Amino acid sequence: LIYLDGNSLGALPAAAPARIERVMRHEWGAGLTGSWFEAGWIDLPRGLGEAIAPLIGAAPGEVVVGDSTSVNLFKLLAAALHARPGRRTILTKTGNFPTDLYVAQGLSGLVEGCEVRRIARDEIAGALDSDTAVLTLTHVDFRTGFMHDLAALTRAAHEVGALALWDLSHSVGAVPLDLGGAGVDLAVGCTYKYLNGGPGAPAFAYVRQTLQPDLRPGLTGWMGHRAPFDFAADYAPGAGIAPLL
């Protein structure tokens, strides 16, 4: 069987139905709340992230799974703006994936002075300047299949002091990726396309390890707390990539 018309949905893995039944009947149906720990539910965001890491050339502790691609993109764009104070430009491509543009536009409306600049594909590197906080692009164009030179554009962003944030939704699981080798700062991607995660499957987020100590994603949730089960009244960020949880 050759699956040619995915429409953004990967094929059903042969082992998935039995695994889903086990979760429903045994882990949820019988284990109930005990399965958070006995079945390892609470560790899945990190554990699945570790499974995805080799597919994108990431190191251990750099990938977590959870939320949607849009939510993760919002968090990482916000973190990029925070990490580059005084810079207010989010640079992207004319015709970039529409949802990514919407997220950037929504964030720019919340940050005073922030601007989303859309540049023609061949002019991206030359448009990077000292006001660029982050370059954000979809690695593979979903309309044409065009693939950006991820390493070269990441280097160009770094040359002007900007960060590089890549959306890998149309490339992870389909083409070789080496985020570590390219020096990529931030990335997001979905799991329901080429990773065959199924409808409603959560997305993943990548943060280069050296950026993690200063990570401020803007959305500070319970599982990102240093000690979530203390139920403290004030937020204290966990170590490493934990603030994205």
Protein backbone atom coordinates (compact mmCIF):
# COMPACT_ATOMS: atom_id res chain seq x y z
CA LEU A 1 0.00 0.00 0.00
CA ILE A 2 1.38 3.42 -1.00
CA TYR A 3 -0.21 6.31 0.89
CA LEU A 4 -0.18 9.30 -1.44
CA ASP A 5 -3.00 11.55 -0.20
CA GLY A 6 -2.29 12.18 3.47
CA ASN A 7 -3.93 15.61 3.77
CA SER A 8 -1.74 16.30 6.80
CA LEU A 9 -2.54 12.96 8.43
CA GLY A 10 -0.05 10.12 8.66
CA ALA A 11 -1.06 6.51 8.15
CA LEU A 12 -2.20 4.44 11.14
CA PRO A 13 0.75 2.48 12.60
CA ALA A 14 -0.01 -1.24 12.91
CA ALA A 15 0.62 -1.25 16.67
CA ALA A 16 -1.51 1.82 17.43
CA PRO A 17 -5.00 0.25 17.83
CA ALA A 18 -3.82 -2.26 20.45
CA ARG A 19 -1.85 0.41 22.28
CA ILE A 20 -4.84 2.74 22.34
CA GLU A 21 -7.05 -0.04 23.67
CA ARG A 22 -4.57 -0.76 26.44
CA VAL A 23 -4.54 2.89 27.46
CA MET A 24 -8.32 3.10 27.43
CA ARG A 25 -9.19 -0.20 29.11
CA HIS A 26 -6.27 -0.77 31.47
CA GLU A 27 -4.33 2.42 32.14
CA TRP A 28 -7.35 4.73 32.25
CA GLY A 29 -10.20 2.25 32.84
CA ALA A 30 -8.52 0.27 35.64
CA GLY A 31 -5.51 2.33 36.70
CA LEU A 32 -7.30 5.67 36.84
CA THR A 33 -5.20 8.40 38.50
CA GLY A 34 -2.53 5.88 39.49
CA SER A 35 -1.53 5.64 35.85
CA TRP A 36 -0.03 9.11 35.95
CA PHE A 37 2.92 7.44 37.64
CA GLU A 38 2.45 3.67 37.27
CA ALA A 39 1.97 3.91 33.50
CA GLY A 40 4.34 6.84 33.18
CA TRP A 41 1.86 9.37 31.79
CA ILE A 42 3.49 12.22 33.64
CA ASP A 43 6.84 11.54 31.99
CA LEU A 44 5.51 11.28 28.43
CA PRO A 45 6.25 14.90 27.37
CA ARG A 46 9.94 14.38 28.07
CA GLY A 47 10.07 10.71 27.06
CA LEU A 48 8.48 11.33 23.68
CA GLY A 49 10.73 14.32 23.24
CA GLU A 50 13.75 12.07 23.74
CA ALA A 51 12.36 9.72 21.07
CA ILE A 52 11.95 12.57 18.58
CA ALA A 53 15.34 14.16 19.31
CA PRO A 54 17.41 11.81 17.08
CA LEU A 55 15.06 12.48 14.16
CA ILE A 56 15.87 16.20 14.23
CA GLY A 57 19.49 16.12 15.35
CA ALA A 58 18.81 17.28 18.89
CA ALA A 59 20.65 16.42 22.07
CA PRO A 60 19.02 14.84 25.14
CA GLY A 61 16.97 17.31 27.14
CA GLU A 62 16.29 19.64 24.19
CA VAL A 63 12.85 18.42 23.04
CA VAL A 64 9.48 18.12 24.79
CA VAL A 65 6.10 17.04 23.43
CA GLY A 66 2.86 18.82 24.28
CA ASP A 67 0.37 21.50 23.21
CA SER A 68 -0.20 22.35 19.55
CA THR A 69 2.29 23.66 17.01
CA SER A 70 0.64 27.08 17.22
CA VAL A 71 0.90 27.27 21.01
CA ASN A 72 4.52 26.15 20.94
CA LEU A 73 5.33 28.67 18.23
CA PHE A 74 3.76 31.46 20.31
CA LYS A 75 5.76 30.44 23.37
CA LEU A 76 9.05 30.29 21.51
CA LEU A 77 8.50 33.55 19.61
CA ALA A 78 7.77 35.23 22.94
CA ALA A 79 10.90 33.66 24.42
CA ALA A 80 12.96 34.90 21.47
CA LEU A 81 11.75 38.47 21.90
CA HIS A 82 12.57 38.31 25.60
CA ALA A 83 16.03 36.93 24.86
CA ARG A 84 16.82 39.80 22.47
CA PRO A 85 15.83 42.96 24.39
CA GLY A 86 15.73 46.11 22.32
CA ARG A 87 15.00 44.19 19.12
CA ARG A 88 11.43 44.21 17.92
CA THR A 89 11.34 42.59 14.46
CA ILE A 90 10.05 39.09 13.73
CA LEU A 91 11.34 38.35 10.24
CA THR A 92 9.59 35.78 8.08
CA LYS A 93 8.82 34.98 4.45
CA THR A 94 6.00 36.21 2.29
CA GLY A 95 3.86 33.10 1.79
CA ASN A 96 5.10 31.39 4.96
CA PHE A 97 2.66 28.84 6.39
CA PRO A 98 -0.47 30.89 7.20
CA THR A 99 -0.95 29.70 10.77
CA ASP A 100 2.63 30.68 11.59
CA LEU A 101 1.98 34.16 10.23
CA TYR A 102 -1.20 34.44 12.28
CA VAL A 103 0.64 33.48 15.47
CA ALA A 104 3.39 36.01 14.82
CA GLN A 105 0.84 38.72 14.06
CA GLY A 106 -1.10 37.91 17.22
CA LEU A 107 2.03 38.16 19.36
CA SER A 108 3.10 41.41 17.71
CA GLY A 109 -0.22 42.93 18.75
CA LEU A 110 0.61 42.18 22.38
CA VAL A 111 4.20 43.47 22.38
CA GLU A 112 4.60 47.22 22.01
CA GLY A 113 6.72 48.14 19.03
CA CYS A 114 6.92 44.59 17.69
CA GLU A 115 6.73 44.27 13.91
CA VAL A 116 6.29 41.24 11.66
CA ARG A 117 8.23 41.74 8.42
CA ARG A 118 7.48 39.48 5.46
CA ILE A 119 10.24 39.24 2.88
CA ALA A 120 10.50 37.50 -0.48
CA ARG A 121 12.28 34.16 -0.28
CA ASP A 122 15.41 35.27 -2.10
CA GLU A 123 15.77 38.41 0.04
CA ILE A 124 15.61 36.88 3.52
CA ALA A 125 19.32 36.82 4.33
CA GLY A 126 19.80 40.41 3.20
CA ALA A 127 16.84 41.63 5.26
CA LEU A 128 18.30 40.45 8.57
CA ASP A 129 19.57 43.41 10.58
CA SER A 130 20.32 44.70 14.07
CA ASP A 131 16.61 45.09 14.87
CA THR A 132 15.79 41.47 14.02
CA ALA A 133 15.02 39.51 17.17
CA VAL A 134 14.12 36.25 15.47
CA LEU A 135 13.94 34.76 12.00
CA THR A 136 11.05 32.29 11.79
CA LEU A 137 10.40 30.09 8.77
CA THR A 138 8.68 26.88 7.79
CA HIS A 139 11.51 24.60 6.69
CA VAL A 140 9.60 23.07 3.75
CA ASP A 141 6.97 25.03 1.85
CA PHE A 142 3.74 23.02 1.97
CA ARG A 143 2.60 24.43 -1.38
CA THR A 144 5.68 23.80 -3.51
CA GLY A 145 7.95 21.48 -1.54
CA PHE A 146 10.74 24.08 -1.61
CA MET A 147 13.19 23.48 1.25
CA HIS A 148 15.11 26.36 2.79
CA ASP A 149 18.81 26.03 3.52
CA LEU A 150 18.30 25.70 7.25
CA ALA A 151 21.98 25.86 8.17
CA ALA A 152 22.82 28.85 5.97
CA LEU A 153 19.88 30.96 7.09
CA THR A 154 20.53 30.09 10.73
CA ARG A 155 24.12 31.30 10.29
CA ALA A 156 22.87 34.49 8.63
CA ALA A 157 20.56 35.16 11.58
CA HIS A 158 23.39 34.60 14.05
CA GLU A 159 25.68 36.97 12.13
CA VAL A 160 23.39 39.88 13.05
CA GLY A 161 22.73 38.61 16.58
CA ALA A 162 19.23 37.26 15.88
CA LEU A 163 17.78 33.88 16.81
CA ALA A 164 16.48 31.29 14.33
CA LEU A 165 13.16 29.51 14.90
CA TRP A 166 12.12 26.79 12.45
CA ASP A 167 8.76 25.10 11.92
CA LEU A 168 9.56 21.48 11.01
CA SER A 169 5.99 20.27 10.55
CA HIS A 170 6.47 19.55 6.86
CA SER A 171 9.96 18.10 7.11
CA VAL A 172 10.33 16.06 10.33
CA GLY A 173 10.15 12.38 9.47
CA ALA A 174 10.46 13.12 5.75
CA VAL A 175 13.93 14.62 5.25
CA PRO A 176 17.19 14.48 7.25
CA LEU A 177 17.50 17.15 9.95
CA ASP A 178 20.46 18.18 12.09
CA LEU A 179 19.45 21.08 14.31
CA GLY A 180 22.48 20.70 16.53
CA GLY A 181 24.91 20.70 13.64
CA ALA A 182 23.24 23.77 12.14
CA GLY A 183 23.23 25.64 15.45
CA VAL A 184 19.45 26.12 15.37
CA ASP A 185 18.14 27.96 18.42
CA LEU A 186 14.46 27.06 18.50
CA ALA A 187 12.08 24.81 16.58
CA VAL A 188 8.52 23.48 16.62
CA GLY A 189 6.78 20.71 14.74
CA CYS A 190 3.76 18.46 14.69
CA THR A 191 3.58 14.70 15.12
CA TYR A 192 0.42 13.87 13.15
CA LYS A 193 1.91 14.13 9.66
CA TYR A 194 5.07 12.16 8.86
CA LEU A 195 5.49 10.95 12.44
CA ASN A 196 2.04 9.25 12.22
CA GLY A 197 0.86 10.47 15.61
CA GLY A 198 -2.80 10.48 14.57
CA PRO A 199 -5.57 13.11 14.75
CA GLY A 200 -5.18 15.46 17.68
CA ALA A 201 -1.63 14.31 18.41
CA PRO A 202 0.42 16.90 20.32
CA ALA A 203 3.28 18.91 18.86
CA PHE A 204 6.89 19.21 19.97
CA ALA A 205 9.22 22.08 20.83
CA TYR A 206 13.01 22.25 20.65
CA VAL A 207 15.27 24.65 22.56
CA ARG A 208 19.04 24.59 22.16
CA GLN A 209 20.55 23.69 25.53
CA THR A 210 22.64 26.84 25.88
CA LEU A 211 19.49 28.97 25.59
CA GLN A 212 17.51 27.08 28.21
CA PRO A 213 18.77 28.91 31.33
CA ASP A 214 17.28 32.16 30.02
CA LEU A 215 14.11 30.64 28.56
CA ARG A 216 11.01 32.75 29.24
CA PRO A 217 8.18 31.33 27.13
CA GLY A 218 5.50 33.75 28.35
CA LEU A 219 3.00 31.00 29.23
CA THR A 220 4.00 29.70 32.63
CA GLY A 221 2.08 26.56 33.49
CA TRP A 222 1.88 24.15 36.37
CA MET A 223 4.11 21.41 34.96
CA GLY A 224 6.82 23.95 34.16
CA HIS A 225 7.15 24.82 37.85
CA ARG A 226 10.26 23.85 39.76
CA ALA A 227 8.14 21.82 42.21
CA PRO A 228 4.62 21.43 40.75
CA PHE A 229 3.32 19.23 43.56
CA ASP A 230 4.13 21.87 46.17
CA PHE A 231 1.19 23.85 44.71
CA ALA A 232 2.98 27.08 45.53
CA ALA A 233 1.16 30.37 44.94
CA ASP A 234 4.02 31.85 42.88
CA TYR A 235 5.70 30.50 39.78
CA ALA A 236 9.31 29.33 39.93
CA PRO A 237 10.64 27.97 36.62
CA GLY A 238 11.97 24.44 36.48
CA ALA A 239 15.41 23.63 35.14
CA GLY A 240 16.32 23.13 31.50
CA ILE A 241 13.43 22.87 29.07
CA ALA A 242 10.85 22.41 31.86
CA PRO A 243 9.30 25.91 31.46
CA LEU A 244 7.78 24.73 28.16
CA LEU A 245 5.81 21.97 29.87
